[in-house]
Amino acid sequence: MKNPVIGYITLNVIDYERSIAFFRDVIGFPLLISDAQFQFARFQAGGVAFAVVGGAGKERKARGDVHAGIAICVPDVDSAYRELSAKGVRFTMSPSKQPWGGYMALFADPDGNIFYLDSVQATQ
């Protein structure tokens, strides 16, 4: 992959509204985006975007499908997907357009942690 960067970090939370209030009102991160339907909120946190995603209850954690919440951002998702696939990386979601407008893929590390493969534009 060419020029990969950590573009954003996403934290899976149990209580979406409580987490927004905490990170916005207590910690002081400016809230950039909040979408209650997808339970997704993004904050400005210095040089890296920080987001929370609701719905990470105990049942979900027990199933083991909670994402690591780290996005590897690249200039060309499709090219990086082909390159990493050829190297044996296991993808849990092929590159696809997301309901919120993004374009991304999901891949697993050797321990099964799920990472986002996203475009650099997603961080801007």
N, C-alpha and C. Protein backbone atom coordinates (compact mmCIF):
# COMPACT_ATOMS: atom_id res chain seq x y z
N MET A 1 0.85 -1.18 0.00
CA MET A 1 0.00 0.00 0.00
C MET A 1 0.89 1.23 0.00
N LYS A 2 0.42 2.25 -0.67
CA LYS A 2 1.17 3.50 -0.69
C LYS A 2 0.58 4.48 0.30
N ASN A 3 1.44 5.06 1.11
CA ASN A 3 1.08 6.15 2.02
C ASN A 3 -0.08 5.87 2.97
N PRO A 4 -0.10 4.73 3.66
CA PRO A 4 -1.19 4.50 4.61
C PRO A 4 -1.00 5.37 5.85
N VAL A 5 -2.11 5.85 6.40
CA VAL A 5 -2.09 6.65 7.63
C VAL A 5 -3.25 6.20 8.51
N ILE A 6 -3.11 6.43 9.83
CA ILE A 6 -4.25 6.25 10.72
C ILE A 6 -5.15 7.46 10.49
N GLY A 7 -6.32 7.22 9.95
CA GLY A 7 -7.21 8.32 9.60
C GLY A 7 -8.18 8.69 10.70
N TYR A 8 -8.65 7.70 11.43
CA TYR A 8 -9.57 7.97 12.53
C TYR A 8 -9.63 6.76 13.43
N ILE A 9 -10.13 6.98 14.62
CA ILE A 9 -10.31 5.92 15.60
C ILE A 9 -11.78 5.93 16.00
N THR A 10 -12.40 4.76 16.00
CA THR A 10 -13.80 4.62 16.36
C THR A 10 -13.91 3.76 17.61
N LEU A 11 -14.66 4.24 18.56
CA LEU A 11 -14.88 3.52 19.81
C LEU A 11 -16.30 2.98 19.82
N ASN A 12 -16.44 1.68 19.99
CA ASN A 12 -17.76 1.06 20.12
C ASN A 12 -18.26 1.29 21.54
N VAL A 13 -19.47 1.83 21.65
CA VAL A 13 -20.02 2.19 22.95
C VAL A 13 -21.37 1.52 23.16
N ILE A 14 -21.74 1.38 24.42
CA ILE A 14 -23.01 0.77 24.76
C ILE A 14 -24.13 1.81 24.71
N ASP A 15 -23.90 3.00 25.27
CA ASP A 15 -24.93 4.05 25.31
C ASP A 15 -24.47 5.22 24.45
N TYR A 16 -25.02 5.30 23.24
CA TYR A 16 -24.63 6.29 22.24
C TYR A 16 -24.80 7.73 22.74
N GLU A 17 -25.99 8.08 23.23
CA GLU A 17 -26.26 9.45 23.68
C GLU A 17 -25.39 9.83 24.87
N ARG A 18 -25.23 8.92 25.82
CA ARG A 18 -24.39 9.20 26.99
C ARG A 18 -22.95 9.44 26.56
N SER A 19 -22.48 8.68 25.59
CA SER A 19 -21.10 8.83 25.12
C SER A 19 -20.91 10.16 24.39
N ILE A 20 -21.89 10.57 23.59
CA ILE A 20 -21.79 11.87 22.93
C ILE A 20 -21.67 12.97 23.98
N ALA A 21 -22.55 12.94 24.96
CA ALA A 21 -22.52 13.95 26.02
C ALA A 21 -21.17 13.96 26.75
N PHE A 22 -20.65 12.78 27.04
CA PHE A 22 -19.37 12.70 27.75
C PHE A 22 -18.23 13.31 26.94
N PHE A 23 -18.08 12.86 25.69
CA PHE A 23 -16.94 13.33 24.90
C PHE A 23 -17.09 14.78 24.46
N ARG A 24 -18.32 15.24 24.27
CA ARG A 24 -18.56 16.64 23.87
C ARG A 24 -18.52 17.56 25.09
N ASP A 25 -19.29 17.26 26.13
CA ASP A 25 -19.49 18.18 27.24
C ASP A 25 -18.47 18.05 28.36
N VAL A 26 -17.98 16.85 28.60
CA VAL A 26 -17.02 16.64 29.68
C VAL A 26 -15.59 16.74 29.16
N ILE A 27 -15.27 15.97 28.12
CA ILE A 27 -13.91 15.98 27.57
C ILE A 27 -13.67 17.26 26.77
N GLY A 28 -14.66 17.72 26.02
CA GLY A 28 -14.53 18.96 25.28
C GLY A 28 -14.21 18.82 23.80
N PHE A 29 -14.39 17.62 23.24
CA PHE A 29 -14.18 17.46 21.80
C PHE A 29 -15.36 18.10 21.05
N PRO A 30 -15.08 18.98 20.08
CA PRO A 30 -16.18 19.53 19.27
C PRO A 30 -16.85 18.41 18.47
N LEU A 31 -18.19 18.38 18.51
CA LEU A 31 -18.96 17.38 17.78
C LEU A 31 -19.09 17.84 16.33
N LEU A 32 -18.64 16.99 15.38
CA LEU A 32 -18.69 17.33 13.97
C LEU A 32 -19.90 16.73 13.28
N ILE A 33 -20.21 15.47 13.58
CA ILE A 33 -21.31 14.75 12.93
C ILE A 33 -21.99 13.89 13.98
N SER A 34 -23.32 13.85 13.93
CA SER A 34 -24.07 12.93 14.78
C SER A 34 -25.23 12.39 13.96
N ASP A 35 -25.29 11.08 13.81
CA ASP A 35 -26.36 10.43 13.05
C ASP A 35 -26.99 9.37 13.94
N ALA A 36 -28.13 9.70 14.53
CA ALA A 36 -28.79 8.80 15.46
C ALA A 36 -29.23 7.50 14.79
N GLN A 37 -29.64 7.56 13.52
CA GLN A 37 -30.09 6.36 12.83
C GLN A 37 -28.99 5.30 12.78
N PHE A 38 -27.75 5.72 12.46
CA PHE A 38 -26.63 4.79 12.39
C PHE A 38 -25.83 4.75 13.69
N GLN A 39 -26.27 5.51 14.68
CA GLN A 39 -25.59 5.61 15.97
C GLN A 39 -24.10 5.88 15.77
N PHE A 40 -23.83 6.91 14.99
CA PHE A 40 -22.45 7.29 14.67
C PHE A 40 -22.27 8.77 14.97
N ALA A 41 -21.21 9.10 15.68
CA ALA A 41 -20.87 10.50 15.95
C ALA A 41 -19.37 10.67 15.80
N ARG A 42 -18.97 11.74 15.15
CA ARG A 42 -17.54 12.04 14.96
C ARG A 42 -17.21 13.36 15.63
N PHE A 43 -16.05 13.37 16.29
CA PHE A 43 -15.57 14.55 17.00
C PHE A 43 -14.23 14.99 16.41
N GLN A 44 -13.91 16.26 16.59
CA GLN A 44 -12.58 16.75 16.26
C GLN A 44 -11.71 16.50 17.48
N ALA A 45 -10.62 15.78 17.29
CA ALA A 45 -9.75 15.43 18.42
C ALA A 45 -8.29 15.64 18.02
N GLY A 46 -7.96 16.85 17.63
CA GLY A 46 -6.60 17.13 17.19
C GLY A 46 -6.40 16.65 15.77
N GLY A 47 -5.26 16.02 15.50
CA GLY A 47 -4.91 15.60 14.16
C GLY A 47 -5.58 14.32 13.69
N VAL A 48 -6.27 13.62 14.59
CA VAL A 48 -6.94 12.37 14.23
C VAL A 48 -8.42 12.51 14.58
N ALA A 49 -9.28 12.11 13.68
CA ALA A 49 -10.71 12.13 13.99
C ALA A 49 -11.02 11.01 14.98
N PHE A 50 -11.98 11.26 15.83
CA PHE A 50 -12.40 10.30 16.84
C PHE A 50 -13.91 10.13 16.73
N ALA A 51 -14.39 8.90 16.68
CA ALA A 51 -15.82 8.65 16.54
C ALA A 51 -16.29 7.63 17.55
N VAL A 52 -17.59 7.68 17.84
CA VAL A 52 -18.24 6.65 18.65
C VAL A 52 -19.34 6.03 17.82
N VAL A 53 -19.53 4.72 18.00
CA VAL A 53 -20.59 3.97 17.33
C VAL A 53 -21.36 3.22 18.40
N GLY A 54 -22.65 3.41 18.44
CA GLY A 54 -23.48 2.76 19.44
C GLY A 54 -23.76 1.31 19.10
N GLY A 55 -24.32 0.60 20.07
CA GLY A 55 -24.75 -0.77 19.85
C GLY A 55 -23.73 -1.83 20.24
N ALA A 56 -22.72 -1.47 21.01
CA ALA A 56 -21.70 -2.46 21.40
C ALA A 56 -22.07 -3.07 22.74
N GLY A 57 -23.27 -3.64 22.83
CA GLY A 57 -23.72 -4.25 24.06
C GLY A 57 -22.98 -5.53 24.38
N LYS A 58 -23.27 -6.11 25.53
CA LYS A 58 -22.60 -7.33 25.98
C LYS A 58 -22.82 -8.48 25.00
N GLU A 59 -24.02 -8.56 24.40
CA GLU A 59 -24.28 -9.65 23.46
C GLU A 59 -23.34 -9.56 22.26
N ARG A 60 -23.15 -8.36 21.77
CA ARG A 60 -22.29 -8.17 20.60
C ARG A 60 -20.84 -8.49 20.96
N LYS A 61 -20.38 -8.04 22.11
CA LYS A 61 -19.01 -8.33 22.53
C LYS A 61 -18.81 -9.84 22.70
N ALA A 62 -19.83 -10.54 23.20
CA ALA A 62 -19.72 -11.98 23.39
C ALA A 62 -19.60 -12.71 22.05
N ARG A 63 -20.21 -12.16 21.00
CA ARG A 63 -20.11 -12.77 19.67
C ARG A 63 -18.74 -12.52 19.05
N GLY A 64 -18.02 -11.51 19.54
CA GLY A 64 -16.69 -11.23 19.02
C GLY A 64 -16.67 -10.43 17.73
N ASP A 65 -17.76 -9.69 17.44
CA ASP A 65 -17.76 -8.93 16.20
C ASP A 65 -17.64 -7.42 16.41
N VAL A 66 -16.99 -7.03 17.49
CA VAL A 66 -16.77 -5.61 17.74
C VAL A 66 -15.50 -5.19 17.01
N HIS A 67 -15.59 -4.14 16.25
CA HIS A 67 -14.45 -3.67 15.47
C HIS A 67 -13.39 -3.04 16.38
N ALA A 68 -12.14 -3.15 15.94
CA ALA A 68 -11.05 -2.54 16.69
C ALA A 68 -11.22 -1.03 16.71
N GLY A 69 -11.85 -0.47 15.67
CA GLY A 69 -12.12 0.96 15.65
C GLY A 69 -10.98 1.79 15.11
N ILE A 70 -10.07 1.18 14.37
CA ILE A 70 -8.94 1.91 13.81
C ILE A 70 -9.05 1.86 12.29
N ALA A 71 -8.95 3.02 11.67
CA ALA A 71 -9.04 3.11 10.22
C ALA A 71 -7.66 3.31 9.61
N ILE A 72 -7.30 2.44 8.69
CA ILE A 72 -6.10 2.63 7.87
C ILE A 72 -6.60 3.31 6.60
N CYS A 73 -6.17 4.54 6.39
CA CYS A 73 -6.64 5.32 5.24
C CYS A 73 -5.58 5.35 4.15
N VAL A 74 -6.04 5.17 2.93
CA VAL A 74 -5.16 5.10 1.76
C VAL A 74 -5.78 5.93 0.65
N PRO A 75 -4.96 6.35 -0.33
CA PRO A 75 -5.51 7.13 -1.44
C PRO A 75 -6.49 6.35 -2.32
N ASP A 76 -6.32 5.02 -2.44
CA ASP A 76 -7.15 4.23 -3.35
C ASP A 76 -7.55 2.92 -2.65
N VAL A 77 -8.77 2.86 -2.14
CA VAL A 77 -9.25 1.70 -1.40
C VAL A 77 -9.25 0.45 -2.27
N ASP A 78 -9.72 0.55 -3.50
CA ASP A 78 -9.79 -0.63 -4.37
C ASP A 78 -8.42 -1.22 -4.65
N SER A 79 -7.45 -0.36 -4.91
CA SER A 79 -6.09 -0.83 -5.18
C SER A 79 -5.49 -1.50 -3.94
N ALA A 80 -5.67 -0.87 -2.78
CA ALA A 80 -5.15 -1.44 -1.54
C ALA A 80 -5.84 -2.76 -1.22
N TYR A 81 -7.13 -2.84 -1.49
CA TYR A 81 -7.88 -4.09 -1.28
C TYR A 81 -7.28 -5.22 -2.12
N ARG A 82 -7.03 -4.95 -3.39
CA ARG A 82 -6.46 -5.99 -4.27
C ARG A 82 -5.06 -6.39 -3.79
N GLU A 83 -4.25 -5.41 -3.42
CA GLU A 83 -2.89 -5.69 -2.95
C GLU A 83 -2.88 -6.53 -1.68
N LEU A 84 -3.70 -6.13 -0.71
CA LEU A 84 -3.74 -6.86 0.55
C LEU A 84 -4.37 -8.25 0.39
N SER A 85 -5.39 -8.35 -0.44
CA SER A 85 -6.00 -9.66 -0.71
C SER A 85 -4.97 -10.62 -1.30
N ALA A 86 -4.15 -10.11 -2.21
CA ALA A 86 -3.11 -10.94 -2.84
C ALA A 86 -2.08 -11.40 -1.82
N LYS A 87 -1.93 -10.65 -0.72
CA LYS A 87 -0.99 -11.02 0.34
C LYS A 87 -1.64 -11.92 1.39
N GLY A 88 -2.89 -12.31 1.16
CA GLY A 88 -3.56 -13.22 2.07
C GLY A 88 -4.34 -12.57 3.19
N VAL A 89 -4.51 -11.25 3.15
CA VAL A 89 -5.30 -10.59 4.19
C VAL A 89 -6.76 -11.00 4.03
N ARG A 90 -7.38 -11.32 5.16
CA ARG A 90 -8.79 -11.75 5.15
C ARG A 90 -9.69 -10.53 5.31
N PHE A 91 -10.51 -10.30 4.31
CA PHE A 91 -11.46 -9.20 4.35
C PHE A 91 -12.82 -9.72 4.80
N THR A 92 -13.46 -8.99 5.70
CA THR A 92 -14.80 -9.35 6.15
C THR A 92 -15.86 -8.56 5.41
N MET A 93 -15.44 -7.53 4.69
CA MET A 93 -16.33 -6.76 3.83
C MET A 93 -15.52 -6.19 2.67
N SER A 94 -15.95 -6.47 1.46
CA SER A 94 -15.29 -5.93 0.27
C SER A 94 -15.55 -4.42 0.19
N PRO A 95 -14.72 -3.71 -0.59
CA PRO A 95 -14.97 -2.28 -0.74
C PRO A 95 -16.40 -2.02 -1.21
N SER A 96 -17.06 -1.11 -0.52
CA SER A 96 -18.44 -0.79 -0.87
C SER A 96 -18.83 0.60 -0.38
N LYS A 97 -19.79 1.17 -1.07
CA LYS A 97 -20.35 2.47 -0.71
C LYS A 97 -21.19 2.29 0.55
N GLN A 98 -21.01 3.18 1.52
CA GLN A 98 -21.72 3.09 2.79
C GLN A 98 -22.94 4.02 2.80
N PRO A 99 -23.96 3.71 3.59
CA PRO A 99 -25.16 4.54 3.63
C PRO A 99 -24.87 5.99 4.01
N TRP A 100 -23.82 6.21 4.78
CA TRP A 100 -23.46 7.56 5.22
C TRP A 100 -22.58 8.29 4.20
N GLY A 101 -22.30 7.64 3.05
CA GLY A 101 -21.57 8.31 1.98
C GLY A 101 -20.14 7.87 1.79
N GLY A 102 -19.57 7.17 2.74
CA GLY A 102 -18.18 6.74 2.62
C GLY A 102 -18.03 5.53 1.71
N TYR A 103 -16.79 5.18 1.45
CA TYR A 103 -16.44 4.01 0.63
C TYR A 103 -15.32 3.30 1.37
N MET A 104 -15.57 2.07 1.81
CA MET A 104 -14.59 1.39 2.66
C MET A 104 -14.70 -0.12 2.55
N ALA A 105 -13.69 -0.79 3.13
CA ALA A 105 -13.67 -2.24 3.27
C ALA A 105 -13.29 -2.55 4.72
N LEU A 106 -13.51 -3.78 5.14
CA LEU A 106 -13.12 -4.21 6.49
C LEU A 106 -12.20 -5.42 6.36
N PHE A 107 -11.13 -5.43 7.17
CA PHE A 107 -10.23 -6.58 7.15
C PHE A 107 -9.85 -6.97 8.56
N ALA A 108 -9.42 -8.22 8.70
CA ALA A 108 -9.04 -8.76 10.01
C ALA A 108 -7.54 -8.92 10.10
N ASP A 109 -7.01 -8.63 11.29
CA ASP A 109 -5.60 -8.93 11.54
C ASP A 109 -5.50 -10.40 11.95
N PRO A 110 -4.29 -10.92 12.20
CA PRO A 110 -4.16 -12.35 12.55
C PRO A 110 -4.92 -12.77 13.80
N ASP A 111 -5.23 -11.81 14.70
CA ASP A 111 -5.98 -12.14 15.91
C ASP A 111 -7.48 -11.98 15.74
N GLY A 112 -7.93 -11.59 14.54
CA GLY A 112 -9.35 -11.42 14.30
C GLY A 112 -9.89 -10.03 14.58
N ASN A 113 -9.02 -9.08 14.97
CA ASN A 113 -9.47 -7.70 15.16
C ASN A 113 -9.85 -7.12 13.80
N ILE A 114 -10.98 -6.44 13.74
CA ILE A 114 -11.46 -5.88 12.48
C ILE A 114 -11.02 -4.42 12.36
N PHE A 115 -10.40 -4.10 11.23
CA PHE A 115 -9.94 -2.75 10.91
C PHE A 115 -10.69 -2.22 9.71
N TYR A 116 -10.77 -0.90 9.61
CA TYR A 116 -11.38 -0.25 8.45
C TYR A 116 -10.28 0.05 7.44
N LEU A 117 -10.55 -0.18 6.17
CA LEU A 117 -9.70 0.28 5.08
C LEU A 117 -10.52 1.36 4.39
N ASP A 118 -10.11 2.59 4.54
CA ASP A 118 -10.93 3.73 4.11
C ASP A 118 -10.09 4.67 3.26
N SER A 119 -10.75 5.62 2.66
CA SER A 119 -10.03 6.58 1.82
C SER A 119 -9.48 7.72 2.65
N VAL A 120 -8.39 8.30 2.19
CA VAL A 120 -7.80 9.44 2.88
C VAL A 120 -8.81 10.56 2.97
N GLN A 121 -9.67 10.72 1.97
CA GLN A 121 -10.67 11.78 1.94
C GLN A 121 -11.61 11.69 3.14
N ALA A 122 -11.80 10.50 3.70
CA ALA A 122 -12.70 10.33 4.83
C ALA A 122 -12.23 11.11 6.06
N THR A 123 -10.94 11.43 6.11
CA THR A 123 -10.40 12.12 7.28
C THR A 123 -10.40 13.63 7.10
N GLN A 124 -10.74 14.10 5.93
CA GLN A 124 -10.65 15.53 5.65
C GLN A 124 -11.98 16.21 5.80
